Amino acid sequence: MIKQFEISTSVQKQLGDYLATNQTDLKTAMADETRNGEVAAIIHAGLPMMVRKIYSLEKMKNFFWTKKELMVEFVAMRLAAAEKKNAKKKR
């Protein structure tokens, strides 16, 4: 289900700010249970309201933690795709 959604520009910024503030990278943050939950919360907040109602924050935190290796790759790919898309817009 999560593959259907792009990471919005505002979520990219929030995530980037979060990682910079905590002086960490995505992989390291996802390996720590507390930070993993915080990353999940940032991404969850950027989902459409209907999806947030169906897929609760607690479910998302649990999913991100149990599938952390998969999610770090997925989030990194989504961020890279969004950056590439933004770079094309600037041209």
PDB file of N, CA and C in Angstrom:
ATOM      1  N   MET A   1       0.814  -1.190   0.000  1.00  0.00           N
ATOM      2  CA  MET A   1       0.000   0.000   0.000  1.00  0.00           C
ATOM      3  C   MET A   1       0.861   1.257   0.000  1.00  0.00           C
ATOM      4  N   ILE A   2       1.897   1.293   0.785  1.00  0.00           N
ATOM      5  CA  ILE A   2       2.719   2.497   0.910  1.00  0.00           C
ATOM      6  C   ILE A   2       3.447   2.837  -0.392  1.00  0.00           C
ATOM      7  N   LYS A   3       3.628   1.851  -1.264  1.00  0.00           N
ATOM      8  CA  LYS A   3       4.315   2.088  -2.534  1.00  0.00           C
ATOM      9  C   LYS A   3       3.530   3.033  -3.436  1.00  0.00           C
ATOM     10  N   GLN A   4       2.256   3.210  -3.161  1.00  0.00           N
ATOM     11  CA  GLN A   4       1.408   4.043  -3.999  1.00  0.00           C
ATOM     12  C   GLN A   4       1.636   5.530  -3.773  1.00  0.00           C
ATOM     13  N   PHE A   5       2.338   5.903  -2.727  1.00  0.00           N
ATOM     14  CA  PHE A   5       2.451   7.304  -2.353  1.00  0.00           C
ATOM     15  C   PHE A   5       3.865   7.831  -2.519  1.00  0.00           C
ATOM     16  N   GLU A   6       3.932   9.067  -2.981  1.00  0.00           N
ATOM     17  CA  GLU A   6       5.213   9.756  -3.087  1.00  0.00           C
ATOM     18  C   GLU A   6       5.468  10.489  -1.778  1.00  0.00           C
ATOM     19  N   ILE A   7       6.721  10.781  -1.515  1.00  0.00           N
ATOM     20  CA  ILE A   7       7.066  11.584  -0.348  1.00  0.00           C
ATOM     21  C   ILE A   7       7.030  13.040  -0.796  1.00  0.00           C
ATOM     22  N   SER A   8       6.150  13.811  -0.178  1.00  0.00           N
ATOM     23  CA  SER A   8       5.962  15.205  -0.583  1.00  0.00           C
ATOM     24  C   SER A   8       7.185  16.053  -0.245  1.00  0.00           C
ATOM     25  N   THR A   9       7.246  17.207  -0.862  1.00  0.00           N
ATOM     26  CA  THR A   9       8.355  18.130  -0.634  1.00  0.00           C
ATOM     27  C   THR A   9       8.435  18.540   0.833  1.00  0.00           C
ATOM     28  N   SER A  10       7.277  18.781   1.455  1.00  0.00           N
ATOM     29  CA  SER A  10       7.291  19.193   2.864  1.00  0.00           C
ATOM     30  C   SER A  10       7.799  18.072   3.767  1.00  0.00           C
ATOM     31  N   VAL A  11       7.435  16.830   3.452  1.00  0.00           N
ATOM     32  CA  VAL A  11       7.918  15.686   4.240  1.00  0.00           C
ATOM     33  C   VAL A  11       9.414  15.499   4.014  1.00  0.00           C
ATOM     34  N   GLN A  12       9.869  15.693   2.782  1.00  0.00           N
ATOM     35  CA  GLN A  12      11.311  15.621   2.499  1.00  0.00           C
ATOM     36  C   GLN A  12      12.060  16.619   3.370  1.00  0.00           C
ATOM     37  N   LYS A  13      11.529  17.843   3.425  1.00  0.00           N
ATOM     38  CA  LYS A  13      12.182  18.895   4.210  1.00  0.00           C
ATOM     39  C   LYS A  13      12.176  18.539   5.698  1.00  0.00           C
ATOM     40  N   GLN A  14      11.025  18.100   6.203  1.00  0.00           N
ATOM     41  CA  GLN A  14      10.930  17.718   7.615  1.00  0.00           C
ATOM     42  C   GLN A  14      11.893  16.584   7.943  1.00  0.00           C
ATOM     43  N   LEU A  15      11.956  15.612   7.070  1.00  0.00           N
ATOM     44  CA  LEU A  15      12.841  14.469   7.289  1.00  0.00           C
ATOM     45  C   LEU A  15      14.300  14.903   7.240  1.00  0.00           C
ATOM     46  N   GLY A  16      14.641  15.737   6.267  1.00  0.00           N
ATOM     47  CA  GLY A  16      16.005  16.265   6.169  1.00  0.00           C
ATOM     48  C   GLY A  16      16.384  17.075   7.398  1.00  0.00           C
ATOM     49  N   ASP A  17      15.454  17.924   7.859  1.00  0.00           N
ATOM     50  CA  ASP A  17      15.694  18.723   9.064  1.00  0.00           C
ATOM     51  C   ASP A  17      15.867  17.826  10.284  1.00  0.00           C
ATOM     52  N   TYR A  18      15.025  16.792  10.381  1.00  0.00           N
ATOM     53  CA  TYR A  18      15.109  15.855  11.497  1.00  0.00           C
ATOM     54  C   TYR A  18      16.472  15.160  11.525  1.00  0.00           C
ATOM     55  N   LEU A  19      16.901  14.664  10.373  1.00  0.00           N
ATOM     56  CA  LEU A  19      18.185  13.960  10.299  1.00  0.00           C
ATOM     57  C   LEU A  19      19.343  14.904  10.607  1.00  0.00           C
ATOM     58  N   ALA A  20      19.272  16.135  10.110  1.00  0.00           N
ATOM     59  CA  ALA A  20      20.331  17.116  10.373  1.00  0.00           C
ATOM     60  C   ALA A  20      20.371  17.496  11.850  1.00  0.00           C
ATOM     61  N   THR A  21      19.208  17.714  12.438  1.00  0.00           N
ATOM     62  CA  THR A  21      19.129  18.079  13.855  1.00  0.00           C
ATOM     63  C   THR A  21      19.710  16.983  14.738  1.00  0.00           C
ATOM     64  N   ASN A  22      19.432  15.739  14.374  1.00  0.00           N
ATOM     65  CA  ASN A  22      19.923  14.601  15.160  1.00  0.00           C
ATOM     66  C   ASN A  22      21.295  14.121  14.704  1.00  0.00           C
ATOM     67  N   GLN A  23      21.881  14.829  13.750  1.00  0.00           N
ATOM     68  CA  GLN A  23      23.213  14.512  13.221  1.00  0.00           C
ATOM     69  C   GLN A  23      23.346  13.018  12.900  1.00  0.00           C
ATOM     70  N   THR A  24      22.422  12.564  12.069  1.00  0.00           N
ATOM     71  CA  THR A  24      22.413  11.156  11.686  1.00  0.00           C
ATOM     72  C   THR A  24      21.996  11.032  10.224  1.00  0.00           C
ATOM     73  N   ASP A  25      22.108   9.836   9.712  1.00  0.00           N
ATOM     74  CA  ASP A  25      21.613   9.574   8.363  1.00  0.00           C
ATOM     75  C   ASP A  25      20.392   8.659   8.474  1.00  0.00           C
ATOM     76  N   LEU A  26      19.743   8.435   7.353  1.00  0.00           N
ATOM     77  CA  LEU A  26      18.508   7.655   7.353  1.00  0.00           C
ATOM     78  C   LEU A  26      18.734   6.233   7.858  1.00  0.00           C
ATOM     79  N   LYS A  27      19.777   5.589   7.398  1.00  0.00           N
ATOM     80  CA  LYS A  27      20.040   4.198   7.785  1.00  0.00           C
ATOM     81  C   LYS A  27      20.257   4.073   9.294  1.00  0.00           C
ATOM     82  N   THR A  28      21.034   4.983   9.863  1.00  0.00           N
ATOM     83  CA  THR A  28      21.299   4.956  11.303  1.00  0.00           C
ATOM     84  C   THR A  28      20.030   5.248  12.095  1.00  0.00           C
ATOM     85  N   ALA A  29      19.256   6.220  11.631  1.00  0.00           N
ATOM     86  CA  ALA A  29      18.008   6.566  12.317  1.00  0.00           C
ATOM     87  C   ALA A  29      17.031   5.392  12.293  1.00  0.00           C
ATOM     88  N   MET A  30      16.969   4.696  11.179  1.00  0.00           N
ATOM     89  CA  MET A  30      16.037   3.577  11.060  1.00  0.00           C
ATOM     90  C   MET A  30      16.477   2.367  11.891  1.00  0.00           C
ATOM     91  N   ALA A  31      17.742   2.306  12.264  1.00  0.00           N
ATOM     92  CA  ALA A  31      18.251   1.190  13.069  1.00  0.00           C
ATOM     93  C   ALA A  31      17.967   1.374  14.556  1.00  0.00           C
ATOM     94  N   ASP A  32      17.587   2.588  14.960  1.00  0.00           N
ATOM     95  CA  ASP A  32      17.269   2.888  16.355  1.00  0.00           C
ATOM     96  C   ASP A  32      15.747   2.922  16.500  1.00  0.00           C
ATOM     97  N   GLU A  33      15.201   2.169  17.442  1.00  0.00           N
ATOM     98  CA  GLU A  33      13.744   2.038  17.545  1.00  0.00           C
ATOM     99  C   GLU A  33      13.040   3.373  17.772  1.00  0.00           C
ATOM    100  N   THR A  34      13.581   4.215  18.630  1.00  0.00           N
ATOM    101  CA  THR A  34      12.951   5.507  18.903  1.00  0.00           C
ATOM    102  C   THR A  34      12.974   6.395  17.665  1.00  0.00           C
ATOM    103  N   ARG A  35      14.132   6.522  17.060  1.00  0.00           N
ATOM    104  CA  ARG A  35      14.247   7.365  15.860  1.00  0.00           C
ATOM    105  C   ARG A  35      13.456   6.782  14.696  1.00  0.00           C
ATOM    106  N   ASN A  36      13.418   5.468  14.596  1.00  0.00           N
ATOM    107  CA  ASN A  36      12.639   4.809  13.557  1.00  0.00           C
ATOM    108  C   ASN A  36      11.175   5.230  13.677  1.00  0.00           C
ATOM    109  N   GLY A  37      10.665   5.237  14.900  1.00  0.00           N
ATOM    110  CA  GLY A  37       9.285   5.662  15.137  1.00  0.00           C
ATOM    111  C   GLY A  37       9.066   7.118  14.785  1.00  0.00           C
ATOM    112  N   GLU A  38      10.073   7.950  15.047  1.00  0.00           N
ATOM    113  CA  GLU A  38       9.968   9.371  14.711  1.00  0.00           C
ATOM    114  C   GLU A  38       9.964   9.578  13.199  1.00  0.00           C
ATOM    115  N   VAL A  39      10.778   8.813  12.480  1.00  0.00           N
ATOM    116  CA  VAL A  39      10.775   8.877  11.008  1.00  0.00           C
ATOM    117  C   VAL A  39       9.408   8.417  10.489  1.00  0.00           C
ATOM    118  N   ALA A  40       8.886   7.337  11.053  1.00  0.00           N
ATOM    119  CA  ALA A  40       7.563   6.843  10.651  1.00  0.00           C
ATOM    120  C   ALA A  40       6.500   7.908  10.890  1.00  0.00           C
ATOM    121  N   ALA A  41       6.594   8.621  12.010  1.00  0.00           N
ATOM    122  CA  ALA A  41       5.618   9.670  12.326  1.00  0.00           C
ATOM    123  C   ALA A  41       5.691  10.819  11.325  1.00  0.00           C
ATOM    124  N   ILE A  42       6.892  11.191  10.924  1.00  0.00           N
ATOM    125  CA  ILE A  42       7.057  12.262   9.930  1.00  0.00           C
ATOM    126  C   ILE A  42       6.417  11.846   8.609  1.00  0.00           C
ATOM    127  N   ILE A  43       6.688  10.632   8.177  1.00  0.00           N
ATOM    128  CA  ILE A  43       6.134  10.150   6.907  1.00  0.00           C
ATOM    129  C   ILE A  43       4.623   9.961   7.017  1.00  0.00           C
ATOM    130  N   HIS A  44       4.160   9.431   8.145  1.00  0.00           N
ATOM    131  CA  HIS A  44       2.724   9.227   8.366  1.00  0.00           C
ATOM    132  C   HIS A  44       1.972  10.551   8.290  1.00  0.00           C
ATOM    133  N   ALA A  45       2.532  11.599   8.855  1.00  0.00           N
ATOM    134  CA  ALA A  45       1.879  12.915   8.847  1.00  0.00           C
ATOM    135  C   ALA A  45       1.713  13.459   7.429  1.00  0.00           C
ATOM    136  N   GLY A  46       2.547  13.019   6.512  1.00  0.00           N
ATOM    137  CA  GLY A  46       2.470  13.482   5.133  1.00  0.00           C
ATOM    138  C   GLY A  46       1.544  12.671   4.241  1.00  0.00           C
ATOM    139  N   LEU A  47       0.975  11.609   4.779  1.00  0.00           N
ATOM    140  CA  LEU A  47       0.053  10.786   3.992  1.00  0.00           C
ATOM    141  C   LEU A  47      -1.317  11.456   3.908  1.00  0.00           C
ATOM    142  N   PRO A  48      -2.102  11.119   2.888  1.00  0.00           N
ATOM    143  CA  PRO A  48      -3.464  11.661   2.803  1.00  0.00           C
ATOM    144  C   PRO A  48      -4.282  11.272   4.040  1.00  0.00           C
ATOM    145  N   MET A  49      -5.213  12.134   4.434  1.00  0.00           N
ATOM    146  CA  MET A  49      -6.010  11.932   5.651  1.00  0.00           C
ATOM    147  C   MET A  49      -6.696  10.563   5.673  1.00  0.00           C
ATOM    148  N   MET A  50      -7.273  10.154   4.580  1.00  0.00           N
ATOM    149  CA  MET A  50      -7.978   8.869   4.538  1.00  0.00           C
ATOM    150  C   MET A  50      -7.023   7.718   4.849  1.00  0.00           C
ATOM    151  N   VAL A  51      -5.831   7.771   4.326  1.00  0.00           N
ATOM    152  CA  VAL A  51      -4.840   6.719   4.579  1.00  0.00           C
ATOM    153  C   VAL A  51      -4.431   6.740   6.045  1.00  0.00           C
ATOM    154  N   ARG A  52      -4.251   7.943   6.607  1.00  0.00           N
ATOM    155  CA  ARG A  52      -3.879   8.039   8.021  1.00  0.00           C
ATOM    156  C   ARG A  52      -4.957   7.461   8.919  1.00  0.00           C
ATOM    157  N   LYS A  53      -6.222   7.625   8.536  1.00  0.00           N
ATOM    158  CA  LYS A  53      -7.312   7.069   9.347  1.00  0.00           C
ATOM    159  C   LYS A  53      -7.329   5.545   9.275  1.00  0.00           C
ATOM    160  N   ILE A  54      -7.062   5.018   8.095  1.00  0.00           N
ATOM    161  CA  ILE A  54      -7.075   3.561   7.908  1.00  0.00           C
ATOM    162  C   ILE A  54      -5.812   2.929   8.485  1.00  0.00           C
ATOM    163  N   TYR A  55      -4.685   3.574   8.266  1.00  0.00           N
ATOM    164  CA  TYR A  55      -3.385   3.036   8.655  1.00  0.00           C
ATOM    165  C   TYR A  55      -2.829   3.899   9.788  1.00  0.00           C
ATOM    166  N   SER A  56      -3.126   3.518  11.021  1.00  0.00           N
ATOM    167  CA  SER A  56      -2.771   4.331  12.186  1.00  0.00           C
ATOM    168  C   SER A  56      -1.262   4.517  12.334  1.00  0.00           C
ATOM    169  N   LEU A  57      -0.904   5.531  13.087  1.00  0.00           N
ATOM    170  CA  LEU A  57       0.506   5.807  13.354  1.00  0.00           C
ATOM    171  C   LEU A  57       1.163   4.623  14.055  1.00  0.00           C
ATOM    172  N   GLU A  58       0.472   4.013  14.995  1.00  0.00           N
ATOM    173  CA  GLU A  58       1.043   2.859  15.708  1.00  0.00           C
ATOM    174  C   GLU A  58       1.313   1.697  14.756  1.00  0.00           C
ATOM    175  N   LYS A  59       0.397   1.451  13.831  1.00  0.00           N
ATOM    176  CA  LYS A  59       0.616   0.399  12.833  1.00  0.00           C
ATOM    177  C   LYS A  59       1.839   0.728  11.982  1.00  0.00           C
ATOM    178  N   MET A  60       1.948   1.994  11.599  1.00  0.00           N
ATOM    179  CA  MET A  60       3.055   2.399  10.746  1.00  0.00           C
ATOM    180  C   MET A  60       4.380   2.279  11.494  1.00  0.00           C
ATOM    181  N   LYS A  61       4.405   2.715  12.757  1.00  0.00           N
ATOM    182  CA  LYS A  61       5.628   2.590  13.557  1.00  0.00           C
ATOM    183  C   LYS A  61       6.034   1.125  13.675  1.00  0.00           C
ATOM    184  N   ASN A  62       5.065   0.269  13.953  1.00  0.00           N
ATOM    185  CA  ASN A  62       5.346  -1.162  14.077  1.00  0.00           C
ATOM    186  C   ASN A  62       5.870  -1.727  12.759  1.00  0.00           C
ATOM    187  N   PHE A  63       5.243  -1.347  11.655  1.00  0.00           N
ATOM    188  CA  PHE A  63       5.671  -1.816  10.337  1.00  0.00           C
ATOM    189  C   PHE A  63       7.078  -1.332  10.018  1.00  0.00           C
ATOM    190  N   PHE A  64       7.350  -0.051  10.265  1.00  0.00           N
ATOM    191  CA  PHE A  64       8.681   0.501   9.998  1.00  0.00           C
ATOM    192  C   PHE A  64       9.737  -0.223  10.828  1.00  0.00           C
ATOM    193  N   TRP A  65       9.403  -0.558  12.079  1.00  0.00           N
ATOM    194  CA  TRP A  65      10.393  -1.203  12.940  1.00  0.00           C
ATOM    195  C   TRP A  65      10.623  -2.657  12.532  1.00  0.00           C
ATOM    196  N   THR A  66       9.549  -3.396  12.273  1.00  0.00           N
ATOM    197  CA  THR A  66       9.715  -4.810  11.931  1.00  0.00           C
ATOM    198  C   THR A  66      10.306  -5.006  10.539  1.00  0.00           C
ATOM    199  N   LYS A  67      10.105  -4.058   9.672  1.00  0.00           N
ATOM    200  CA  LYS A  67      10.620  -4.144   8.296  1.00  0.00           C
ATOM    201  C   LYS A  67      11.665  -3.056   8.033  1.00  0.00           C
ATOM    202  N   LYS A  68      12.464  -2.738   9.054  1.00  0.00           N
ATOM    203  CA  LYS A  68      13.380  -1.587   8.956  1.00  0.00           C
ATOM    204  C   LYS A  68      14.365  -1.671   7.794  1.00  0.00           C
ATOM    205  N   GLU A  69      14.874  -2.859   7.479  1.00  0.00           N
ATOM    206  CA  GLU A  69      15.824  -2.979   6.368  1.00  0.00           C
ATOM    207  C   GLU A  69      15.144  -2.630   5.043  1.00  0.00           C
ATOM    208  N   LEU A  70      13.947  -3.130   4.868  1.00  0.00           N
ATOM    209  CA  LEU A  70      13.169  -2.843   3.664  1.00  0.00           C
ATOM    210  C   LEU A  70      12.784  -1.360   3.605  1.00  0.00           C
ATOM    211  N   MET A  71      12.359  -0.818   4.723  1.00  0.00           N
ATOM    212  CA  MET A  71      11.876   0.566   4.749  1.00  0.00           C
ATOM    213  C   MET A  71      12.992   1.578   4.532  1.00  0.00           C
ATOM    214  N   VAL A  72      14.188   1.315   5.022  1.00  0.00           N
ATOM    215  CA  VAL A  72      15.282   2.263   4.797  1.00  0.00           C
ATOM    216  C   VAL A  72      15.578   2.349   3.303  1.00  0.00           C
ATOM    217  N   GLU A  73      15.541   1.219   2.616  1.00  0.00           N
ATOM    218  CA  GLU A  73      15.751   1.219   1.162  1.00  0.00           C
ATOM    219  C   GLU A  73      14.611   1.940   0.449  1.00  0.00           C
ATOM    220  N   PHE A  74      13.386   1.635   0.856  1.00  0.00           N
ATOM    221  CA  PHE A  74      12.217   2.226   0.221  1.00  0.00           C
ATOM    222  C   PHE A  74      12.192   3.745   0.398  1.00  0.00           C
ATOM    223  N   VAL A  75      12.404   4.207   1.617  1.00  0.00           N
ATOM    224  CA  VAL A  75      12.378   5.651   1.884  1.00  0.00           C
ATOM    225  C   VAL A  75      13.510   6.339   1.133  1.00  0.00           C
ATOM    226  N   ALA A  76      14.682   5.743   1.138  1.00  0.00           N
ATOM    227  CA  ALA A  76      15.818   6.333   0.411  1.00  0.00           C
ATOM    228  C   ALA A  76      15.513   6.424  -1.086  1.00  0.00           C
ATOM    229  N   MET A  77      14.899   5.387  -1.651  1.00  0.00           N
ATOM    230  CA  MET A  77      14.531   5.417  -3.073  1.00  0.00           C
ATOM    231  C   MET A  77      13.499   6.499  -3.356  1.00  0.00           C
ATOM    232  N   ARG A  78      12.509   6.626  -2.477  1.00  0.00           N
ATOM    233  CA  ARG A  78      11.467   7.646  -2.656  1.00  0.00           C
ATOM    234  C   ARG A  78      12.052   9.051  -2.550  1.00  0.00           C
ATOM    235  N   LEU A  79      12.966   9.241  -1.610  1.00  0.00           N
ATOM    236  CA  LEU A  79      13.608  10.554  -1.470  1.00  0.00           C
ATOM    237  C   LEU A  79      14.446  10.879  -2.702  1.00  0.00           C
ATOM    238  N   ALA A  80      15.176   9.895  -3.196  1.00  0.00           N
ATOM    239  CA  ALA A  80      16.001  10.107  -4.392  1.00  0.00           C
ATOM    240  C   ALA A  80      15.126  10.424  -5.602  1.00  0.00           C
ATOM    241  N   ALA A  81      14.013   9.719  -5.741  1.00  0.00           N
ATOM    242  CA  ALA A  81      13.097   9.973  -6.859  1.00  0.00           C
ATOM    243  C   ALA A  81      12.498  11.367  -6.759  1.00  0.00           C
ATOM    244  N   ALA A  82      12.161  11.785  -5.553  1.00  0.00           N
ATOM    245  CA  ALA A  82      11.590  13.117  -5.356  1.00  0.00           C
ATOM    246  C   ALA A  82      12.622  14.200  -5.662  1.00  0.00           C
ATOM    247  N   GLU A  83      13.866  13.978  -5.245  1.00  0.00           N
ATOM    248  CA  GLU A  83      14.929  14.948  -5.531  1.00  0.00           C
ATOM    249  C   GLU A  83      15.159  15.057  -7.034  1.00  0.00           C
ATOM    250  N   LYS A  84      15.131  13.919  -7.720  1.00  0.00           N
ATOM    251  CA  LYS A  84      15.319  13.902  -9.171  1.00  0.00           C
ATOM    252  C   LYS A  84      14.178  14.662  -9.859  1.00  0.00           C
ATOM    253  N   LYS A  85      12.967  14.449  -9.372  1.00  0.00           N
ATOM    254  CA  LYS A  85      11.793  15.127  -9.920  1.00  0.00           C
ATOM    255  C   LYS A  85      11.902  16.637  -9.701  1.00  0.00           C
ATOM    256  N   ASN A  86      12.340  17.042  -8.516  1.00  0.00           N
ATOM    257  CA  ASN A  86      12.501  18.466  -8.209  1.00  0.00           C
ATOM    258  C   ASN A  86      13.607  19.089  -9.052  1.00  0.00           C
ATOM    259  N   ALA A  87      14.665  18.339  -9.311  1.00  0.00           N
ATOM    260  CA  ALA A  87      15.770  18.845 -10.135  1.00  0.00           C
ATOM    261  C   ALA A  87      15.295  19.094 -11.568  1.00  0.00           C
ATOM    262  N   LYS A  88      14.430  18.224 -12.074  1.00  0.00           N
ATOM    263  CA  LYS A  88      13.883  18.399 -13.425  1.00  0.00           C
ATOM    264  C   LYS A  88      13.018  19.657 -13.497  1.00  0.00           C
ATOM    265  N   LYS A  89      12.273  19.938 -12.429  1.00  0.00           N
ATOM    266  CA  LYS A  89      11.415  21.123 -12.398  1.00  0.00           C
ATOM    267  C   LYS A  89      12.235  22.404 -12.444  1.00  0.00           C
ATOM    268  N   LYS A  90      13.411  22.383 -11.843  1.00  0.00           N
ATOM    269  CA  LYS A  90      14.262  23.573 -11.771  1.00  0.00           C
ATOM    270  C   LYS A  90      14.905  23.909 -13.105  1.00  0.00           C
ATOM    271  N   ARG A  91      14.986  22.950 -14.004  1.00  0.00           N
ATOM    272  CA  ARG A  91      15.622  23.172 -15.314  1.00  0.00           C
ATOM    273  C   ARG A  91      14.808  24.043 -16.167  1.00  0.00           C
TER     274      ARG A  91
END
